[in-house]
Amino acid sequence: MRKARPVSARYRLAVLSRSVAAVAGGYGVSVLLAIAVAWALPLPREEAATIGTMIALLGLPIAAMACFYARTAFRAWAGLAIAALLLAGLAFVAGWRP
């Protein structure tokens, strides 16, 4: 039986960066998704917020999986940043002001 090769520090940092991106960045993107959907829907405020939250609950695991699907940790962060900018822009166009 062969001995396992030691894992490099660079690889460990890349996995850590992707994990932080998946948790923190995924949460941020899902919050912006909830806001954008809630403001874009022509429904009463309570119904729009509920539907936006349910859709955002689907967006969080998709964003997290995308972080580990990306070729590099930089691409994972860049993808989250692009998604966040697009969703924030959609929310602003729909009338949301932070």
Protein backbone atom coordinates (compact mmCIF):
# COMPACT_ATOMS: atom_id res chain seq x y z
CA MET A 1 0.00 0.00 0.00
CA ARG A 2 1.30 3.45 -0.95
CA LYS A 3 1.74 6.26 1.48
CA ALA A 4 -0.54 9.26 0.97
CA ARG A 5 1.11 12.38 -0.38
CA PRO A 6 1.11 15.34 1.99
CA VAL A 7 -1.27 18.13 1.06
CA SER A 8 0.37 21.49 0.37
CA ALA A 9 -0.41 24.66 2.26
CA ARG A 10 -1.42 26.36 -0.98
CA TYR A 11 -4.09 23.73 -1.59
CA ARG A 12 -5.37 24.04 1.96
CA LEU A 13 -5.62 27.83 1.62
CA ALA A 14 -7.49 27.46 -1.67
CA VAL A 15 -10.02 25.14 -0.03
CA LEU A 16 -10.35 27.52 2.91
CA SER A 17 -10.93 30.44 0.55
CA ARG A 18 -13.61 28.52 -1.34
CA SER A 19 -15.27 27.53 1.92
CA VAL A 20 -15.38 31.14 3.11
CA ALA A 21 -16.68 32.20 -0.30
CA ALA A 22 -19.36 29.52 -0.19
CA VAL A 23 -20.56 30.48 3.29
CA ALA A 24 -20.13 34.26 3.43
CA GLY A 25 -20.41 35.05 -0.26
CA GLY A 26 -23.27 32.61 -0.77
CA TYR A 27 -25.15 34.22 2.11
CA GLY A 28 -24.60 37.70 0.67
CA VAL A 29 -25.75 36.65 -2.79
CA SER A 30 -28.82 34.90 -1.40
CA VAL A 31 -29.77 38.00 0.63
CA LEU A 32 -29.45 40.18 -2.46
CA LEU A 33 -31.49 37.63 -4.41
CA ALA A 34 -34.26 37.81 -1.80
CA ILE A 35 -34.24 41.61 -1.92
CA ALA A 36 -34.21 41.79 -5.71
CA VAL A 37 -37.04 39.28 -6.11
CA ALA A 38 -39.14 40.88 -3.36
CA TRP A 39 -38.81 44.33 -4.90
CA ALA A 40 -39.36 43.15 -8.46
CA LEU A 41 -42.58 41.23 -7.79
CA PRO A 42 -45.83 43.17 -8.20
CA LEU A 43 -47.38 41.68 -5.05
CA PRO A 44 -48.18 42.97 -1.57
CA ARG A 45 -45.09 43.47 0.55
CA GLU A 46 -45.60 40.42 2.79
CA GLU A 47 -46.20 38.00 -0.09
CA ALA A 48 -43.29 39.36 -2.12
CA ALA A 49 -40.95 39.04 0.89
CA THR A 50 -42.05 35.46 1.51
CA ILE A 51 -41.58 34.43 -2.11
CA GLY A 52 -38.23 36.24 -2.29
CA THR A 53 -37.02 34.43 0.82
CA MET A 54 -38.09 31.03 -0.51
CA ILE A 55 -36.28 31.66 -3.80
CA ALA A 56 -33.19 32.85 -1.91
CA LEU A 57 -33.17 29.57 0.03
CA LEU A 58 -32.62 27.88 -3.33
CA GLY A 59 -29.94 30.40 -4.30
CA LEU A 60 -27.67 29.75 -1.32
CA PRO A 61 -26.79 26.12 -2.12
CA ILE A 62 -26.43 26.96 -5.81
CA ALA A 63 -23.94 29.72 -4.96
CA ALA A 64 -22.07 27.41 -2.60
CA MET A 65 -21.84 24.65 -5.21
CA ALA A 66 -20.66 27.17 -7.79
CA CYS A 67 -17.78 28.13 -5.47
CA PHE A 68 -16.47 24.57 -5.53
CA TYR A 69 -17.23 24.10 -9.22
CA ALA A 70 -15.03 27.06 -10.21
CA ARG A 71 -11.51 26.22 -11.38
CA THR A 72 -9.80 28.56 -8.91
CA ALA A 73 -10.70 30.32 -5.68
CA PHE A 74 -10.30 33.66 -7.47
CA ARG A 75 -12.94 32.65 -10.02
CA ALA A 76 -15.25 31.61 -7.20
CA TRP A 77 -14.93 35.04 -5.57
CA ALA A 78 -15.23 36.80 -8.93
CA GLY A 79 -18.39 34.88 -9.79
CA LEU A 80 -19.95 35.81 -6.45
CA ALA A 81 -18.99 39.46 -6.93
CA ILE A 82 -20.53 39.55 -10.40
CA ALA A 83 -23.71 37.90 -9.16
CA ALA A 84 -23.91 40.33 -6.23
CA LEU A 85 -23.46 43.34 -8.50
CA LEU A 86 -26.12 42.13 -10.91
CA LEU A 87 -28.62 41.41 -8.14
CA ALA A 88 -27.92 44.71 -6.39
CA GLY A 89 -28.40 46.52 -9.70
CA LEU A 90 -31.70 44.73 -10.26
CA ALA A 91 -32.83 45.64 -6.76
CA PHE A 92 -31.88 49.30 -7.30
CA VAL A 93 -33.75 49.40 -10.60
CA ALA A 94 -36.79 47.87 -8.88
CA GLY A 95 -36.74 50.66 -6.27
CA TRP A 96 -34.75 49.31 -3.31
CA ARG A 97 -32.61 51.78 -1.41
CA PRO A 98 -30.39 50.48 1.43
